[in-house]
Each structure stands twice: as structure tokens, then as C-alpha cells.
Amino acid sequence: ARTVAERVARSLNLAADPEFGAAFSFDDRLSEDPGEELELVGQNARFKLAVRTLLDEVSVRPLRGSSLVDVAFETPDPVLSARLANQWVEEFIALSLERRASTSVDARRFLSRRLEDLRQRLEDSERRLVSYAAENEIVSLQQTEGADGNTRTERTLATSDLETLNRALVEARARRLMAES
């Protein structure tokens, strides 16, 4: 709530607003209570007093059976009260949107880093695969590319040799059967 109060005080420039200062007797409060004045000196006393006043005077009540709230300020001037309540709501909404946007940016950064890490791991895996194939003399004879852009190896030297041996075995069996008959 303090963050919202500071945003309202800043956006409406309540520290310099004579109407707001008069409604809450800023000048009297600052000269009456020397302890309060000393506490606020050097850090824009009127701004801090405006924030404190906003926090003291705001009333935020949830409305039963909904996710809505009723925000109210009580001042001698109904126009000032409405302006403060409306600004409180606007600043709360703006703060919520900023937080969501910040969360989205953080999530996007996380996902970008994660994606880059996965790309690096994929490249490393592909390099190791190529090295393994070279070390074990695995030669690809035929490759195809799928619709998704991935390369698939369908035939290697070993599968080609196996196919040749199977064909020779089938032919040898067929010749033996012919010779026996």
C-alpha cells in the first residue's frame, strides 16, 4: 500500500497541491509537532506527510461475493475525495500491470537462456554423434529429410552389408533347394 500511496502522491503532486495541503492542514501539522517535523526534514517533509496522510485516510474494502474492492477517501471536498480514490485505483492497476510485465520479461529471459542452453547441448550431442560414427567407421549411405526439417539416416554401411549378406544367403538357399530337387 505504501508503494501505491507514493505513486498517487507523485502523480498528483500532492506535496505541492494547496487544496490537499489545506484539507489535511499540512502547514499546521508540520509546525505543531516538532518531532514529526524533525523526522521528515531533509527527505521532502510535505511528500512524506502526503504519503502518510494517504495511508491514514484511504479505505479499501472488498465487496462480498466478488473480486472487486471499494476504495474511498474522506476529505471535506467531495471532488478531491473522488480524485484521490480514482487515482489510487489507477495507480494500483498500473503497478499490477508493471509487475506482470516484469514477470513476463523475466520469464522470457529465463526461457531464452534455457533455449540457448538446449541448443548448445544439441550441438554438442551432434558433434559427439559425428565423432562416434567416424571412430566406429559408420558411414551413412542414404539420408532423408523429414517435413519437420530433421535429417534421418535410413541406410548405413553396416545395414548395406547386412542386406547384401541376407540377399546372398537367400540366393544360396534357393540354389541349394534347386540342387536338392
C-alpha atoms as a PDB file:
ATOM      1  CA  ALA A   1       0.000   0.000   0.000  1.00  0.00           C
ATOM      2  CA  ARG A   2       2.901   2.374   0.665  1.00  0.00           C
ATOM      3  CA  THR A   3       4.079   1.978  -2.920  1.00  0.00           C
ATOM      4  CA  VAL A   4       0.624   2.851  -4.223  1.00  0.00           C
ATOM      5  CA  ALA A   5       0.408   5.842  -1.867  1.00  0.00           C
ATOM      6  CA  GLU A   6       3.801   7.124  -3.070  1.00  0.00           C
ATOM      7  CA  ARG A   7       2.710   6.739  -6.693  1.00  0.00           C
ATOM      8  CA  VAL A   8      -0.535   8.639  -6.019  1.00  0.00           C
ATOM      9  CA  ALA A   9       1.321  11.407  -4.168  1.00  0.00           C
ATOM     10  CA  ARG A  10       3.844  11.671  -7.006  1.00  0.00           C
ATOM     11  CA  SER A  11       1.358  11.536  -9.876  1.00  0.00           C
ATOM     12  CA  LEU A  12      -0.953  14.167  -8.336  1.00  0.00           C
ATOM     13  CA  ASN A  13       1.977  16.155  -6.893  1.00  0.00           C
ATOM     14  CA  LEU A  14       0.183  16.241  -3.552  1.00  0.00           C
ATOM     15  CA  ALA A  15       3.176  17.698  -1.711  1.00  0.00           C
ATOM     16  CA  ALA A  16       2.689  20.914  -3.697  1.00  0.00           C
ATOM     17  CA  ASP A  17      -1.113  20.752  -4.023  1.00  0.00           C
ATOM     18  CA  PRO A  18      -2.532  23.600  -1.890  1.00  0.00           C
ATOM     19  CA  GLU A  19      -6.015  22.054  -1.896  1.00  0.00           C
ATOM     20  CA  PHE A  20      -4.729  18.745  -0.486  1.00  0.00           C
ATOM     21  CA  GLY A  21      -2.408  20.519   1.971  1.00  0.00           C
ATOM     22  CA  ALA A  22      -5.245  22.700   3.226  1.00  0.00           C
ATOM     23  CA  ALA A  23      -7.661  19.761   3.519  1.00  0.00           C
ATOM     24  CA  PHE A  24      -5.248  17.962   5.823  1.00  0.00           C
ATOM     25  CA  SER A  25      -3.620  21.039   7.451  1.00  0.00           C
ATOM     26  CA  PHE A  26      -0.070  20.242   6.337  1.00  0.00           C
ATOM     27  CA  ASP A  27       1.380  23.547   7.469  1.00  0.00           C
ATOM     28  CA  ASP A  28      -0.215  23.274  10.910  1.00  0.00           C
ATOM     29  CA  ARG A  29       0.859  19.648  11.351  1.00  0.00           C
ATOM     30  CA  LEU A  30       4.456  20.372  10.364  1.00  0.00           C
ATOM     31  CA  SER A  31       4.776  23.388  12.712  1.00  0.00           C
ATOM     32  CA  GLU A  32       2.750  21.837  15.600  1.00  0.00           C
ATOM     33  CA  ASP A  33       4.643  18.593  16.027  1.00  0.00           C
ATOM     34  CA  PRO A  34       8.399  19.258  16.086  1.00  0.00           C
ATOM     35  CA  GLY A  35       9.102  15.522  16.414  1.00  0.00           C
ATOM     36  CA  GLU A  36       7.270  14.813  13.196  1.00  0.00           C
ATOM     37  CA  GLU A  37       8.989  17.734  11.502  1.00  0.00           C
ATOM     38  CA  LEU A  38      12.438  16.512  12.580  1.00  0.00           C
ATOM     39  CA  GLU A  39      11.624  13.014  11.388  1.00  0.00           C
ATOM     40  CA  LEU A  40      10.709  14.307   7.951  1.00  0.00           C
ATOM     41  CA  VAL A  41      13.378  17.004   7.477  1.00  0.00           C
ATOM     42  CA  GLY A  42      15.724  16.546   4.570  1.00  0.00           C
ATOM     43  CA  GLN A  43      13.530  13.990   2.840  1.00  0.00           C
ATOM     44  CA  ASN A  44      10.816  16.224   1.454  1.00  0.00           C
ATOM     45  CA  ALA A  45       8.616  16.588   4.511  1.00  0.00           C
ATOM     46  CA  ARG A  46       5.499  17.520   2.572  1.00  0.00           C
ATOM     47  CA  PHE A  47       5.801  14.470   0.278  1.00  0.00           C
ATOM     48  CA  LYS A  48       6.253  12.099   3.226  1.00  0.00           C
ATOM     49  CA  LEU A  49       3.370  13.744   5.041  1.00  0.00           C
ATOM     50  CA  ALA A  50       1.201  13.386   1.916  1.00  0.00           C
ATOM     51  CA  VAL A  51       2.048   9.672   1.707  1.00  0.00           C
ATOM     52  CA  ARG A  52       1.336   9.170   5.404  1.00  0.00           C
ATOM     53  CA  THR A  53      -1.950  11.055   5.058  1.00  0.00           C
ATOM     54  CA  LEU A  54      -2.986   8.940   2.087  1.00  0.00           C
ATOM     55  CA  LEU A  55      -2.257   5.760   4.004  1.00  0.00           C
ATOM     56  CA  ASP A  56      -4.194   7.015   7.030  1.00  0.00           C
ATOM     57  CA  GLU A  57      -7.201   8.230   5.056  1.00  0.00           C
ATOM     58  CA  VAL A  58      -7.658   5.538   2.407  1.00  0.00           C
ATOM     59  CA  SER A  59     -10.306   2.913   2.946  1.00  0.00           C
ATOM     60  CA  VAL A  60     -10.155  -0.249   0.845  1.00  0.00           C
ATOM     61  CA  ARG A  61     -12.897  -2.799   1.483  1.00  0.00           C
ATOM     62  CA  PRO A  62     -13.556  -5.963  -0.515  1.00  0.00           C
ATOM     63  CA  LEU A  63     -17.076  -6.312  -1.878  1.00  0.00           C
ATOM     64  CA  ARG A  64     -18.645  -9.565  -0.771  1.00  0.00           C
ATOM     65  CA  GLY A  65     -19.102 -12.229  -3.390  1.00  0.00           C
ATOM     66  CA  SER A  66     -16.834 -10.577  -5.954  1.00  0.00           C
ATOM     67  CA  SER A  67     -13.207  -9.766  -6.627  1.00  0.00           C
ATOM     68  CA  LEU A  68     -13.968  -6.040  -6.539  1.00  0.00           C
ATOM     69  CA  VAL A  69     -12.986  -3.577  -3.842  1.00  0.00           C
ATOM     70  CA  ASP A  70     -14.414  -0.282  -2.715  1.00  0.00           C
ATOM     71  CA  VAL A  71     -11.767   2.453  -2.478  1.00  0.00           C
ATOM     72  CA  ALA A  72     -12.727   5.607  -0.596  1.00  0.00           C
ATOM     73  CA  PHE A  73     -11.113   8.766   0.756  1.00  0.00           C
ATOM     74  CA  GLU A  74     -12.785  11.138   3.147  1.00  0.00           C
ATOM     75  CA  THR A  75     -11.946  14.793   2.767  1.00  0.00           C
ATOM     76  CA  PRO A  76     -14.019  17.922   3.229  1.00  0.00           C
ATOM     77  CA  ASP A  77     -14.102  18.265  -0.582  1.00  0.00           C
ATOM     78  CA  PRO A  78     -16.017  15.513  -2.443  1.00  0.00           C
ATOM     79  CA  VAL A  79     -14.237  16.340  -5.715  1.00  0.00           C
ATOM     80  CA  LEU A  80     -10.841  15.879  -4.034  1.00  0.00           C
ATOM     81  CA  SER A  81     -12.052  12.646  -2.449  1.00  0.00           C
ATOM     82  CA  ALA A  82     -13.178  11.279  -5.817  1.00  0.00           C
ATOM     83  CA  ARG A  83      -9.936  12.358  -7.474  1.00  0.00           C
ATOM     84  CA  LEU A  84      -7.842  10.623  -4.777  1.00  0.00           C
ATOM     85  CA  ALA A  85      -9.904   7.409  -4.904  1.00  0.00           C
ATOM     86  CA  ASN A  86      -9.781   7.270  -8.700  1.00  0.00           C
ATOM     87  CA  GLN A  87      -6.028   7.931  -8.767  1.00  0.00           C
ATOM     88  CA  TRP A  88      -5.471   5.242  -6.099  1.00  0.00           C
ATOM     89  CA  VAL A  89      -7.253   2.702  -8.330  1.00  0.00           C
ATOM     90  CA  GLU A  90      -5.384   3.838 -11.462  1.00  0.00           C
ATOM     91  CA  GLU A  91      -2.013   3.590  -9.720  1.00  0.00           C
ATOM     92  CA  PHE A  92      -2.850   0.173  -8.285  1.00  0.00           C
ATOM     93  CA  ILE A  93      -3.796  -1.087 -11.746  1.00  0.00           C
ATOM     94  CA  ALA A  94      -0.671   0.441 -13.303  1.00  0.00           C
ATOM     95  CA  LEU A  95       1.516  -1.125 -10.607  1.00  0.00           C
ATOM     96  CA  SER A  96      -0.125  -4.524 -11.156  1.00  0.00           C
ATOM     97  CA  LEU A  97       0.432  -4.296 -14.912  1.00  0.00           C
ATOM     98  CA  GLU A  98       4.080  -3.298 -14.400  1.00  0.00           C
ATOM     99  CA  ARG A  99       4.608  -6.271 -12.109  1.00  0.00           C
ATOM    100  CA  ARG A 100       3.002  -8.631 -14.625  1.00  0.00           C
ATOM    101  CA  ALA A 101       5.086  -7.180 -17.435  1.00  0.00           C
ATOM    102  CA  SER A 102       8.196  -7.550 -15.308  1.00  0.00           C
ATOM    103  CA  THR A 103       7.275 -11.163 -14.614  1.00  0.00           C
ATOM    104  CA  SER A 104       6.738 -11.765 -18.339  1.00  0.00           C
ATOM    105  CA  VAL A 105      10.113 -10.220 -19.165  1.00  0.00           C
ATOM    106  CA  ASP A 106      11.784 -12.388 -16.510  1.00  0.00           C
ATOM    107  CA  ALA A 107      10.063 -15.492 -17.876  1.00  0.00           C
ATOM    108  CA  ARG A 108      11.091 -14.588 -21.429  1.00  0.00           C
ATOM    109  CA  ARG A 109      14.709 -14.128 -20.313  1.00  0.00           C
ATOM    110  CA  PHE A 110      14.643 -17.461 -18.480  1.00  0.00           C
ATOM    111  CA  LEU A 111      13.183 -19.252 -21.486  1.00  0.00           C
ATOM    112  CA  SER A 112      15.689 -17.613 -23.838  1.00  0.00           C
ATOM    113  CA  ARG A 113      18.582 -18.736 -21.646  1.00  0.00           C
ATOM    114  CA  ARG A 114      17.091 -22.229 -21.396  1.00  0.00           C
ATOM    115  CA  LEU A 115      16.585 -22.398 -25.174  1.00  0.00           C
ATOM    116  CA  GLU A 116      20.178 -21.316 -25.797  1.00  0.00           C
ATOM    117  CA  ASP A 117      21.402 -23.941 -23.311  1.00  0.00           C
ATOM    118  CA  LEU A 118      19.378 -26.641 -25.072  1.00  0.00           C
ATOM    119  CA  ARG A 119      20.702 -25.529 -28.479  1.00  0.00           C
ATOM    120  CA  GLN A 120      24.245 -25.787 -27.165  1.00  0.00           C
ATOM    121  CA  ARG A 121      23.562 -29.248 -25.737  1.00  0.00           C
ATOM    122  CA  LEU A 122      22.062 -30.364 -29.069  1.00  0.00           C
ATOM    123  CA  GLU A 123      25.113 -29.112 -30.976  1.00  0.00           C
ATOM    124  CA  ASP A 124      27.416 -30.930 -28.535  1.00  0.00           C
ATOM    125  CA  SER A 125      25.379 -34.128 -28.925  1.00  0.00           C
ATOM    126  CA  GLU A 126      25.514 -33.883 -32.710  1.00  0.00           C
ATOM    127  CA  ARG A 127      29.301 -33.368 -32.600  1.00  0.00           C
ATOM    128  CA  ARG A 128      29.688 -36.421 -30.344  1.00  0.00           C
ATOM    129  CA  LEU A 129      27.470 -38.439 -32.708  1.00  0.00           C
ATOM    130  CA  VAL A 130      29.575 -37.480 -35.716  1.00  0.00           C
ATOM    131  CA  SER A 131      32.759 -38.319 -33.785  1.00  0.00           C
ATOM    132  CA  TYR A 132      31.337 -41.678 -32.716  1.00  0.00           C
ATOM    133  CA  ALA A 133      30.303 -42.508 -36.277  1.00  0.00           C
ATOM    134  CA  ALA A 134      33.762 -41.582 -37.567  1.00  0.00           C
ATOM    135  CA  GLU A 135      35.555 -43.587 -34.847  1.00  0.00           C
ATOM    136  CA  ASN A 136      33.440 -46.686 -35.490  1.00  0.00           C
ATOM    137  CA  GLU A 137      33.521 -46.304 -39.268  1.00  0.00           C
ATOM    138  CA  ILE A 138      29.782 -45.882 -39.552  1.00  0.00           C
ATOM    139  CA  VAL A 139      29.126 -44.387 -42.940  1.00  0.00           C
ATOM    140  CA  SER A 140      25.703 -43.143 -43.959  1.00  0.00           C
ATOM    141  CA  LEU A 141      24.804 -44.113 -47.485  1.00  0.00           C
ATOM    142  CA  GLN A 142      21.377 -42.532 -47.696  1.00  0.00           C
ATOM    143  CA  GLN A 143      19.783 -39.708 -45.746  1.00  0.00           C
ATOM    144  CA  THR A 144      16.372 -38.170 -45.989  1.00  0.00           C
ATOM    145  CA  GLU A 145      14.959 -35.014 -44.544  1.00  0.00           C
ATOM    146  CA  GLY A 146      11.554 -35.108 -42.879  1.00  0.00           C
ATOM    147  CA  ALA A 147       8.846 -32.457 -43.170  1.00  0.00           C
ATOM    148  CA  ASP A 148       9.956 -31.006 -39.831  1.00  0.00           C
ATOM    149  CA  GLY A 149      13.461 -30.393 -41.228  1.00  0.00           C
ATOM    150  CA  ASN A 150      15.166 -33.150 -39.248  1.00  0.00           C
ATOM    151  CA  THR A 151      17.652 -35.342 -41.083  1.00  0.00           C
ATOM    152  CA  ARG A 152      17.066 -39.064 -40.724  1.00  0.00           C
ATOM    153  CA  THR A 153      19.637 -41.678 -41.634  1.00  0.00           C
ATOM    154  CA  GLU A 154      17.997 -44.649 -43.282  1.00  0.00           C
ATOM    155  CA  ARG A 155      20.951 -46.629 -44.586  1.00  0.00           C
ATOM    156  CA  THR A 156      24.431 -47.044 -43.215  1.00  0.00           C
ATOM    157  CA  LEU A 157      27.351 -49.112 -44.469  1.00  0.00           C
ATOM    158  CA  ALA A 158      26.575 -51.786 -41.870  1.00  0.00           C
ATOM    159  CA  THR A 159      22.925 -52.076 -42.940  1.00  0.00           C
ATOM    160  CA  SER A 160      24.002 -52.193 -46.581  1.00  0.00           C
ATOM    161  CA  ASP A 161      26.446 -55.030 -45.825  1.00  0.00           C
ATOM    162  CA  LEU A 162      23.753 -56.851 -43.871  1.00  0.00           C
ATOM    163  CA  GLU A 163      21.308 -56.511 -46.752  1.00  0.00           C
ATOM    164  CA  THR A 164      23.937 -57.868 -49.193  1.00  0.00           C
ATOM    165  CA  LEU A 165      24.693 -60.839 -46.910  1.00  0.00           C
ATOM    166  CA  ASN A 166      20.966 -61.594 -46.498  1.00  0.00           C
ATOM    167  CA  ARG A 167      20.462 -61.491 -50.259  1.00  0.00           C
ATOM    168  CA  ALA A 168      23.443 -63.831 -50.773  1.00  0.00           C
ATOM    169  CA  LEU A 169      22.064 -66.182 -48.091  1.00  0.00           C
ATOM    170  CA  VAL A 170      18.620 -66.248 -49.716  1.00  0.00           C
ATOM    171  CA  GLU A 171      20.192 -66.933 -53.127  1.00  0.00           C
ATOM    172  CA  ALA A 172      22.409 -69.685 -51.681  1.00  0.00           C
ATOM    173  CA  ARG A 173      19.404 -71.363 -50.049  1.00  0.00           C
ATOM    174  CA  ALA A 174      17.434 -71.093 -53.262  1.00  0.00           C
ATOM    175  CA  ARG A 175      20.304 -72.709 -55.243  1.00  0.00           C
ATOM    176  CA  ARG A 176      20.623 -75.476 -52.636  1.00  0.00           C
ATOM    177  CA  LEU A 177      16.890 -76.189 -52.804  1.00  0.00           C
ATOM    178  CA  MET A 178      17.118 -76.299 -56.604  1.00  0.00           C
ATOM    179  CA  ALA A 179      20.103 -78.619 -56.431  1.00  0.00           C
ATOM    180  CA  GLU A 180      18.369 -80.932 -53.956  1.00  0.00           C
ATOM    181  CA  SER A 181      15.212 -81.122 -56.015  1.00  0.00           C
END
